[in-house]
Amino acid sequence: MNKYPFFKYVTGDSKMHVMNSKMKIIWFLAMLLCTLIYRDYVSATILTLLFIFFMVSSKISLKAYLSNMFLIWPIYIITFIICYLVTSNILFSILIVIKVIMLVLLFIILTFTTSLSEIAWGFECAFVKLKKIGIPVSKISLKIAMNIKFISTLFEKFKEVRKSMAYRGIPYKNGSFKAFRKMIIPVFSLSYKLSRRMGKIMKLRFYGLSKKRTNYHENKTTKFDKILVISSFILLYIVIWLGWC
């Protein structure tokens, strides 16, 4: 019954949805770098406020973001335990967990507001200059989009298998780890079959044979896009200055 599946595009007409693909990928990479390198709680607070602004701008309910963000809560606990065992510093461990949560949230914002075709097209446009030195940008961008699709497919198939078990009267709540073992093989098997099917579809469409690709629709660059990209680079400078200088 989840209206907003994990890492899956949600149709909308917000400013985040209609951003130019190239500008959005540049913004995403700048924000990703900010999230990876910050080292203080001031930067974490600034990033948190910005992420709230991005979520509100997308016109998607905050509940949808939070429910998907905490869907993988065991990863946050495992990250905290490992960091604390290695460093014995509880404040540093909490900071790392916040960083992981922000990374997940950033990917959710991107995938909620950008279709897979636009993600692939955005990466290709952002790194088009690399084609001159022989790097297959088109194939790499497609693989990035397909990997995102595979993650969302895993969660969708997991729900399908769990429902199928419930319909057949197989308990999956009591002894959750045992039930998880029963579900994991069918989930990966179904996801793998779907990915192979999609690969064959791409071959049938002769993807990659043409030297120059075209896009059916490309959003124009707006003032909002430029402000978002410029502010992300300013934030990157602030994060470096606060945490590394």
C-alpha atoms as a PDB file:
ATOM      1  CA  MET A   1       0.000   0.000   0.000  1.00  0.00           C
ATOM      2  CA  ASN A   2       3.056   2.281  -0.087  1.00  0.00           C
ATOM      3  CA  LYS A   3       2.268   5.178  -2.435  1.00  0.00           C
ATOM      4  CA  TYR A   4       5.950   6.149  -2.700  1.00  0.00           C
ATOM      5  CA  PRO A   5       8.141   3.075  -3.323  1.00  0.00           C
ATOM      6  CA  PHE A   6      11.815   3.187  -2.397  1.00  0.00           C
ATOM      7  CA  PHE A   7      14.054   4.943  -4.992  1.00  0.00           C
ATOM      8  CA  LYS A   8      11.224   5.227  -7.533  1.00  0.00           C
ATOM      9  CA  TYR A   9      10.153   8.251  -9.565  1.00  0.00           C
ATOM     10  CA  VAL A  10       7.016  10.092  -8.409  1.00  0.00           C
ATOM     11  CA  THR A  11       5.223  12.081 -11.108  1.00  0.00           C
ATOM     12  CA  GLY A  12       4.939  15.786 -10.336  1.00  0.00           C
ATOM     13  CA  ASP A  13       5.277  19.341 -11.644  1.00  0.00           C
ATOM     14  CA  SER A  14       7.340  20.938  -8.872  1.00  0.00           C
ATOM     15  CA  LYS A  15      10.482  22.998  -9.465  1.00  0.00           C
ATOM     16  CA  MET A  16      12.579  19.995  -8.466  1.00  0.00           C
ATOM     17  CA  HIS A  17      10.757  17.816 -11.008  1.00  0.00           C
ATOM     18  CA  VAL A  18      11.191  20.202 -13.957  1.00  0.00           C
ATOM     19  CA  MET A  19      14.863  20.989 -13.367  1.00  0.00           C
ATOM     20  CA  ASN A  20      17.172  20.637 -16.343  1.00  0.00           C
ATOM     21  CA  SER A  21      18.703  17.144 -16.243  1.00  0.00           C
ATOM     22  CA  LYS A  22      22.297  18.323 -16.598  1.00  0.00           C
ATOM     23  CA  MET A  23      21.917  21.032 -13.949  1.00  0.00           C
ATOM     24  CA  LYS A  24      20.237  18.591 -11.560  1.00  0.00           C
ATOM     25  CA  ILE A  25      23.064  16.062 -11.856  1.00  0.00           C
ATOM     26  CA  ILE A  26      25.664  18.808 -11.253  1.00  0.00           C
ATOM     27  CA  TRP A  27      23.653  19.944  -8.215  1.00  0.00           C
ATOM     28  CA  PHE A  28      23.362  16.343  -7.009  1.00  0.00           C
ATOM     29  CA  LEU A  29      27.109  15.692  -7.314  1.00  0.00           C
ATOM     30  CA  ALA A  30      27.964  18.951  -5.493  1.00  0.00           C
ATOM     31  CA  MET A  31      25.548  18.095  -2.656  1.00  0.00           C
ATOM     32  CA  LEU A  32      26.880  14.544  -2.567  1.00  0.00           C
ATOM     33  CA  LEU A  33      30.424  15.860  -2.155  1.00  0.00           C
ATOM     34  CA  CYS A  34      29.275  18.262   0.591  1.00  0.00           C
ATOM     35  CA  THR A  35      27.631  15.400   2.456  1.00  0.00           C
ATOM     36  CA  LEU A  36      30.669  13.153   2.143  1.00  0.00           C
ATOM     37  CA  ILE A  37      33.293  15.640   3.332  1.00  0.00           C
ATOM     38  CA  TYR A  38      31.626  17.667   6.097  1.00  0.00           C
ATOM     39  CA  ARG A  39      33.180  17.133   9.536  1.00  0.00           C
ATOM     40  CA  ASP A  40      31.228  19.336  11.957  1.00  0.00           C
ATOM     41  CA  TYR A  41      27.710  19.684  13.315  1.00  0.00           C
ATOM     42  CA  VAL A  42      27.300  23.226  11.960  1.00  0.00           C
ATOM     43  CA  SER A  43      27.639  21.946   8.392  1.00  0.00           C
ATOM     44  CA  ALA A  44      25.306  19.060   9.236  1.00  0.00           C
ATOM     45  CA  THR A  45      22.681  21.542  10.467  1.00  0.00           C
ATOM     46  CA  ILE A  46      22.986  23.683   7.317  1.00  0.00           C
ATOM     47  CA  LEU A  47      22.665  20.606   5.100  1.00  0.00           C
ATOM     48  CA  THR A  48      19.653  19.378   7.068  1.00  0.00           C
ATOM     49  CA  LEU A  49      17.852  22.704   6.565  1.00  0.00           C
ATOM     50  CA  LEU A  50      18.669  22.628   2.854  1.00  0.00           C
ATOM     51  CA  PHE A  51      17.396  19.072   2.501  1.00  0.00           C
ATOM     52  CA  ILE A  52      14.134  20.113   4.159  1.00  0.00           C
ATOM     53  CA  PHE A  53      13.875  22.923   1.596  1.00  0.00           C
ATOM     54  CA  PHE A  54      14.465  20.447  -1.254  1.00  0.00           C
ATOM     55  CA  MET A  55      11.800  18.101   0.113  1.00  0.00           C
ATOM     56  CA  VAL A  56       9.256  20.914   0.457  1.00  0.00           C
ATOM     57  CA  SER A  57      10.109  22.183  -3.051  1.00  0.00           C
ATOM     58  CA  SER A  58       9.364  18.738  -4.511  1.00  0.00           C
ATOM     59  CA  LYS A  59       5.723  18.934  -3.295  1.00  0.00           C
ATOM     60  CA  ILE A  60       5.967  15.362  -2.012  1.00  0.00           C
ATOM     61  CA  SER A  61       4.848  14.724   1.557  1.00  0.00           C
ATOM     62  CA  LEU A  62       7.557  14.686   4.226  1.00  0.00           C
ATOM     63  CA  LYS A  63       6.003  11.470   5.517  1.00  0.00           C
ATOM     64  CA  ALA A  64       6.941   9.742   2.252  1.00  0.00           C
ATOM     65  CA  TYR A  65      10.571  10.817   2.619  1.00  0.00           C
ATOM     66  CA  LEU A  66      10.762   9.808   6.281  1.00  0.00           C
ATOM     67  CA  SER A  67       9.095   6.417   5.760  1.00  0.00           C
ATOM     68  CA  ASN A  68      11.521   5.544   2.964  1.00  0.00           C
ATOM     69  CA  MET A  69      14.508   6.968   4.835  1.00  0.00           C
ATOM     70  CA  PHE A  70      13.859   4.792   7.908  1.00  0.00           C
ATOM     71  CA  LEU A  71      13.025   1.738   5.819  1.00  0.00           C
ATOM     72  CA  ILE A  72      16.695   0.718   6.059  1.00  0.00           C
ATOM     73  CA  TRP A  73      17.117   1.579   9.759  1.00  0.00           C
ATOM     74  CA  PRO A  74      19.274  -1.537  10.495  1.00  0.00           C
ATOM     75  CA  ILE A  75      22.028  -0.010   8.327  1.00  0.00           C
ATOM     76  CA  TYR A  76      22.120   3.067  10.556  1.00  0.00           C
ATOM     77  CA  ILE A  77      22.424   0.956  13.709  1.00  0.00           C
ATOM     78  CA  ILE A  78      25.166  -1.233  12.211  1.00  0.00           C
ATOM     79  CA  THR A  79      27.059   1.870  11.056  1.00  0.00           C
ATOM     80  CA  PHE A  80      26.894   3.390  14.559  1.00  0.00           C
ATOM     81  CA  ILE A  81      28.085   0.176  16.232  1.00  0.00           C
ATOM     82  CA  ILE A  82      31.019  -0.267  13.841  1.00  0.00           C
ATOM     83  CA  CYS A  83      32.101   3.383  14.142  1.00  0.00           C
ATOM     84  CA  TYR A  84      31.873   3.293  17.923  1.00  0.00           C
ATOM     85  CA  LEU A  85      33.845   0.046  18.171  1.00  0.00           C
ATOM     86  CA  VAL A  86      36.572   1.447  15.902  1.00  0.00           C
ATOM     87  CA  THR A  87      36.833   4.989  17.311  1.00  0.00           C
ATOM     88  CA  SER A  88      35.248   4.761  20.824  1.00  0.00           C
ATOM     89  CA  ASN A  89      33.905   8.256  20.101  1.00  0.00           C
ATOM     90  CA  ILE A  90      30.137   8.506  20.446  1.00  0.00           C
ATOM     91  CA  LEU A  91      29.878  12.022  18.948  1.00  0.00           C
ATOM     92  CA  PHE A  92      31.866  11.018  15.865  1.00  0.00           C
ATOM     93  CA  SER A  93      29.757   7.862  15.488  1.00  0.00           C
ATOM     94  CA  ILE A  94      26.544   9.905  15.621  1.00  0.00           C
ATOM     95  CA  LEU A  95      27.977  12.298  13.002  1.00  0.00           C
ATOM     96  CA  ILE A  96      28.729   9.373  10.664  1.00  0.00           C
ATOM     97  CA  VAL A  97      25.200   8.003  11.092  1.00  0.00           C
ATOM     98  CA  ILE A  98      23.763  11.449  10.286  1.00  0.00           C
ATOM     99  CA  LYS A  99      25.965  11.502   7.197  1.00  0.00           C
ATOM    100  CA  VAL A 100      24.657   8.101   6.052  1.00  0.00           C
ATOM    101  CA  ILE A 101      21.047   9.209   6.629  1.00  0.00           C
ATOM    102  CA  MET A 102      21.681  12.362   4.575  1.00  0.00           C
ATOM    103  CA  LEU A 103      23.216  10.342   1.736  1.00  0.00           C
ATOM    104  CA  VAL A 104      20.152   8.100   1.617  1.00  0.00           C
ATOM    105  CA  LEU A 105      17.863  11.136   1.749  1.00  0.00           C
ATOM    106  CA  LEU A 106      19.765  12.836  -1.086  1.00  0.00           C
ATOM    107  CA  PHE A 107      19.350   9.769  -3.302  1.00  0.00           C
ATOM    108  CA  ILE A 108      15.648   9.608  -2.406  1.00  0.00           C
ATOM    109  CA  ILE A 109      15.174  13.274  -3.380  1.00  0.00           C
ATOM    110  CA  LEU A 110      16.909  12.634  -6.711  1.00  0.00           C
ATOM    111  CA  THR A 111      14.984   9.459  -7.550  1.00  0.00           C
ATOM    112  CA  PHE A 112      11.617  10.815  -6.362  1.00  0.00           C
ATOM    113  CA  THR A 113      11.897  13.869  -8.628  1.00  0.00           C
ATOM    114  CA  THR A 114      13.818  12.481 -11.626  1.00  0.00           C
ATOM    115  CA  SER A 115      12.906   9.656 -13.983  1.00  0.00           C
ATOM    116  CA  LEU A 116      15.543   7.047 -14.798  1.00  0.00           C
ATOM    117  CA  SER A 117      15.810   8.247 -18.393  1.00  0.00           C
ATOM    118  CA  GLU A 118      16.443  11.808 -17.174  1.00  0.00           C
ATOM    119  CA  ILE A 119      19.081  10.581 -14.705  1.00  0.00           C
ATOM    120  CA  ALA A 120      20.899   8.745 -17.494  1.00  0.00           C
ATOM    121  CA  TRP A 121      20.555  11.738 -19.839  1.00  0.00           C
ATOM    122  CA  GLY A 122      21.749  14.142 -17.127  1.00  0.00           C
ATOM    123  CA  PHE A 123      24.902  12.144 -16.379  1.00  0.00           C
ATOM    124  CA  GLU A 124      25.624  11.853 -20.083  1.00  0.00           C
ATOM    125  CA  CYS A 125      25.260  15.619 -20.644  1.00  0.00           C
ATOM    126  CA  ALA A 126      27.293  16.500 -17.546  1.00  0.00           C
ATOM    127  CA  PHE A 127      30.248  14.339 -18.622  1.00  0.00           C
ATOM    128  CA  VAL A 128      29.913  14.594 -22.401  1.00  0.00           C
ATOM    129  CA  LYS A 129      33.472  15.991 -22.720  1.00  0.00           C
ATOM    130  CA  LEU A 130      34.868  12.652 -21.510  1.00  0.00           C
ATOM    131  CA  LYS A 131      33.746  11.068 -24.790  1.00  0.00           C
ATOM    132  CA  LYS A 132      36.665  12.787 -26.502  1.00  0.00           C
ATOM    133  CA  ILE A 133      39.145  10.634 -24.561  1.00  0.00           C
ATOM    134  CA  GLY A 134      37.263   7.420 -25.339  1.00  0.00           C
ATOM    135  CA  ILE A 135      35.226   6.977 -22.142  1.00  0.00           C
ATOM    136  CA  PRO A 136      31.820   5.341 -22.918  1.00  0.00           C
ATOM    137  CA  VAL A 137      29.750   7.951 -21.086  1.00  0.00           C
ATOM    138  CA  SER A 138      26.431   6.742 -22.545  1.00  0.00           C
ATOM    139  CA  LYS A 139      26.880   3.182 -21.302  1.00  0.00           C
ATOM    140  CA  ILE A 140      28.131   4.303 -17.874  1.00  0.00           C
ATOM    141  CA  SER A 141      25.192   6.692 -17.408  1.00  0.00           C
ATOM    142  CA  LEU A 142      22.762   3.941 -18.390  1.00  0.00           C
ATOM    143  CA  LYS A 143      24.369   1.520 -15.904  1.00  0.00           C
ATOM    144  CA  ILE A 144      24.009   4.107 -13.127  1.00  0.00           C
ATOM    145  CA  ALA A 145      20.297   4.469 -13.910  1.00  0.00           C
ATOM    146  CA  MET A 146      19.849   0.689 -14.147  1.00  0.00           C
ATOM    147  CA  ASN A 147      21.553   0.146 -10.768  1.00  0.00           C
ATOM    148  CA  ILE A 148      19.126   2.611  -9.181  1.00  0.00           C
ATOM    149  CA  LYS A 149      16.284   0.745 -10.871  1.00  0.00           C
ATOM    150  CA  PHE A 150      17.622  -2.570  -9.530  1.00  0.00           C
ATOM    151  CA  ILE A 151      17.558  -1.264  -5.928  1.00  0.00           C
ATOM    152  CA  SER A 152      13.949  -0.093  -6.240  1.00  0.00           C
ATOM    153  CA  THR A 153      13.049  -3.407  -7.910  1.00  0.00           C
ATOM    154  CA  LEU A 154      14.510  -5.365  -4.978  1.00  0.00           C
ATOM    155  CA  PHE A 155      12.192  -3.581  -2.549  1.00  0.00           C
ATOM    156  CA  GLU A 156       9.178  -4.036  -4.830  1.00  0.00           C
ATOM    157  CA  LYS A 157       9.841  -7.769  -5.264  1.00  0.00           C
ATOM    158  CA  PHE A 158      10.388  -8.117  -1.521  1.00  0.00           C
ATOM    159  CA  LYS A 159       6.858  -6.767  -0.947  1.00  0.00           C
ATOM    160  CA  GLU A 160       5.451  -9.095  -3.604  1.00  0.00           C
ATOM    161  CA  VAL A 161       7.115 -12.172  -2.086  1.00  0.00           C
ATOM    162  CA  ARG A 162       5.991 -11.218   1.437  1.00  0.00           C
ATOM    163  CA  LYS A 163       2.388 -10.798   0.230  1.00  0.00           C
ATOM    164  CA  SER A 164       2.610 -14.113  -1.592  1.00  0.00           C
ATOM    165  CA  MET A 165       3.767 -15.813   1.626  1.00  0.00           C
ATOM    166  CA  ALA A 166       0.899 -14.204   3.543  1.00  0.00           C
ATOM    167  CA  TYR A 167      -1.659 -15.371   0.961  1.00  0.00           C
ATOM    168  CA  ARG A 168      -0.372 -18.941   1.337  1.00  0.00           C
ATOM    169  CA  GLY A 169      -0.553 -18.834   5.125  1.00  0.00           C
ATOM    170  CA  ILE A 170       3.217 -18.882   5.618  1.00  0.00           C
ATOM    171  CA  PRO A 171       4.177 -16.899   8.766  1.00  0.00           C
ATOM    172  CA  TYR A 172       6.726 -14.173   8.117  1.00  0.00           C
ATOM    173  CA  LYS A 173       6.493 -12.094  11.302  1.00  0.00           C
ATOM    174  CA  ASN A 174       7.435 -14.667  13.932  1.00  0.00           C
ATOM    175  CA  GLY A 175      11.069 -15.652  13.574  1.00  0.00           C
ATOM    176  CA  SER A 176      11.700 -12.753  11.195  1.00  0.00           C
ATOM    177  CA  PHE A 177      15.262 -13.792  10.328  1.00  0.00           C
ATOM    178  CA  LYS A 178      14.113 -17.263   9.269  1.00  0.00           C
ATOM    179  CA  ALA A 179      11.343 -15.710   7.179  1.00  0.00           C
ATOM    180  CA  PHE A 180      13.836 -13.285   5.653  1.00  0.00           C
ATOM    181  CA  ARG A 181      16.020 -16.230   4.569  1.00  0.00           C
ATOM    182  CA  LYS A 182      13.011 -17.759   2.822  1.00  0.00           C
ATOM    183  CA  MET A 183      12.275 -14.496   1.003  1.00  0.00           C
ATOM    184  CA  ILE A 184      15.775 -13.408  -0.035  1.00  0.00           C
ATOM    185  CA  ILE A 185      16.354 -16.066  -2.735  1.00  0.00           C
ATOM    186  CA  PRO A 186      13.019 -15.504  -4.583  1.00  0.00           C
ATOM    187  CA  VAL A 187      13.513 -11.717  -4.339  1.00  0.00           C
ATOM    188  CA  PHE A 188      16.966 -11.785  -5.956  1.00  0.00           C
ATOM    189  CA  SER A 189      15.845 -14.385  -8.506  1.00  0.00           C
ATOM    190  CA  LEU A 190      12.860 -12.292  -9.639  1.00  0.00           C
ATOM    191  CA  SER A 191      14.936  -9.092  -9.698  1.00  0.00           C
ATOM    192  CA  TYR A 192      17.693 -10.762 -11.725  1.00  0.00           C
ATOM    193  CA  LYS A 193      15.195 -12.076 -14.280  1.00  0.00           C
ATOM    194  CA  LEU A 194      13.676  -8.601 -14.617  1.00  0.00           C
ATOM    195  CA  SER A 195      17.106  -6.969 -15.106  1.00  0.00           C
ATOM    196  CA  ARG A 196      18.010  -9.515 -17.820  1.00  0.00           C
ATOM    197  CA  ARG A 197      14.694  -8.843 -19.533  1.00  0.00           C
ATOM    198  CA  MET A 198      15.371  -5.106 -19.507  1.00  0.00           C
ATOM    199  CA  GLY A 199      18.848  -5.684 -20.925  1.00  0.00           C
ATOM    200  CA  LYS A 200      17.385  -7.658 -23.811  1.00  0.00           C
ATOM    201  CA  ILE A 201      14.845  -4.889 -24.436  1.00  0.00           C
ATOM    202  CA  MET A 202      17.687  -2.354 -24.705  1.00  0.00           C
ATOM    203  CA  LYS A 203      19.462  -4.590 -27.227  1.00  0.00           C
ATOM    204  CA  LEU A 204      16.286  -4.901 -29.292  1.00  0.00           C
ATOM    205  CA  ARG A 205      16.132  -1.095 -29.377  1.00  0.00           C
ATOM    206  CA  PHE A 206      19.753  -1.020 -30.671  1.00  0.00           C
ATOM    207  CA  TYR A 207      20.879   1.078 -27.706  1.00  0.00           C
ATOM    208  CA  GLY A 208      24.469   2.312 -28.040  1.00  0.00           C
ATOM    209  CA  LEU A 209      24.842   1.700 -31.788  1.00  0.00           C
ATOM    210  CA  SER A 210      24.288   5.348 -32.683  1.00  0.00           C
ATOM    211  CA  LYS A 211      27.203   7.709 -32.014  1.00  0.00           C
ATOM    212  CA  LYS A 212      24.895  10.598 -31.214  1.00  0.00           C
ATOM    213  CA  ARG A 213      21.897  10.223 -28.916  1.00  0.00           C
ATOM    214  CA  THR A 214      18.780  12.352 -28.926  1.00  0.00           C
ATOM    215  CA  ASN A 215      16.326  13.041 -26.122  1.00  0.00           C
ATOM    216  CA  TYR A 216      12.565  13.184 -26.583  1.00  0.00           C
ATOM    217  CA  HIS A 217      12.178  15.991 -24.071  1.00  0.00           C
ATOM    218  CA  GLU A 218      14.694  18.177 -22.257  1.00  0.00           C
ATOM    219  CA  ASN A 219      13.728  20.808 -19.718  1.00  0.00           C
ATOM    220  CA  LYS A 220      15.177  24.277 -20.189  1.00  0.00           C
ATOM    221  CA  THR A 221      17.558  25.763 -17.648  1.00  0.00           C
ATOM    222  CA  THR A 222      15.703  28.120 -15.304  1.00  0.00           C
ATOM    223  CA  LYS A 223      16.772  30.667 -12.687  1.00  0.00           C
ATOM    224  CA  PHE A 224      15.874  28.134 -10.008  1.00  0.00           C
ATOM    225  CA  ASP A 225      18.334  25.645 -11.557  1.00  0.00           C
ATOM    226  CA  LYS A 226      21.152  28.189 -11.659  1.00  0.00           C
ATOM    227  CA  ILE A 227      20.513  29.387  -8.096  1.00  0.00           C
ATOM    228  CA  LEU A 228      20.462  25.806  -6.815  1.00  0.00           C
ATOM    229  CA  VAL A 229      23.730  24.872  -8.546  1.00  0.00           C
ATOM    230  CA  ILE A 230      25.547  28.079  -7.521  1.00  0.00           C
ATOM    231  CA  SER A 231      24.338  27.765  -3.909  1.00  0.00           C
ATOM    232  CA  SER A 232      25.515  24.134  -3.784  1.00  0.00           C
ATOM    233  CA  PHE A 233      29.045  25.182  -4.780  1.00  0.00           C
ATOM    234  CA  ILE A 234      28.976  28.028  -2.241  1.00  0.00           C
ATOM    235  CA  LEU A 235      27.912  25.481   0.376  1.00  0.00           C
ATOM    236  CA  LEU A 236      30.775  23.212  -0.700  1.00  0.00           C
ATOM    237  CA  TYR A 237      33.203  26.066  -0.027  1.00  0.00           C
ATOM    238  CA  ILE A 238      31.594  26.722   3.384  1.00  0.00           C
ATOM    239  CA  VAL A 239      31.792  23.038   4.346  1.00  0.00           C
ATOM    240  CA  ILE A 240      35.488  22.884   3.400  1.00  0.00           C
ATOM    241  CA  TRP A 241      36.210  26.119   5.277  1.00  0.00           C
ATOM    242  CA  LEU A 242      34.361  25.026   8.442  1.00  0.00           C
ATOM    243  CA  GLY A 243      35.600  21.459   8.618  1.00  0.00           C
ATOM    244  CA  TRP A 244      38.981  21.415   6.919  1.00  0.00           C
ATOM    245  CA  CYS A 245      40.542  24.864   7.418  1.00  0.00           C
END
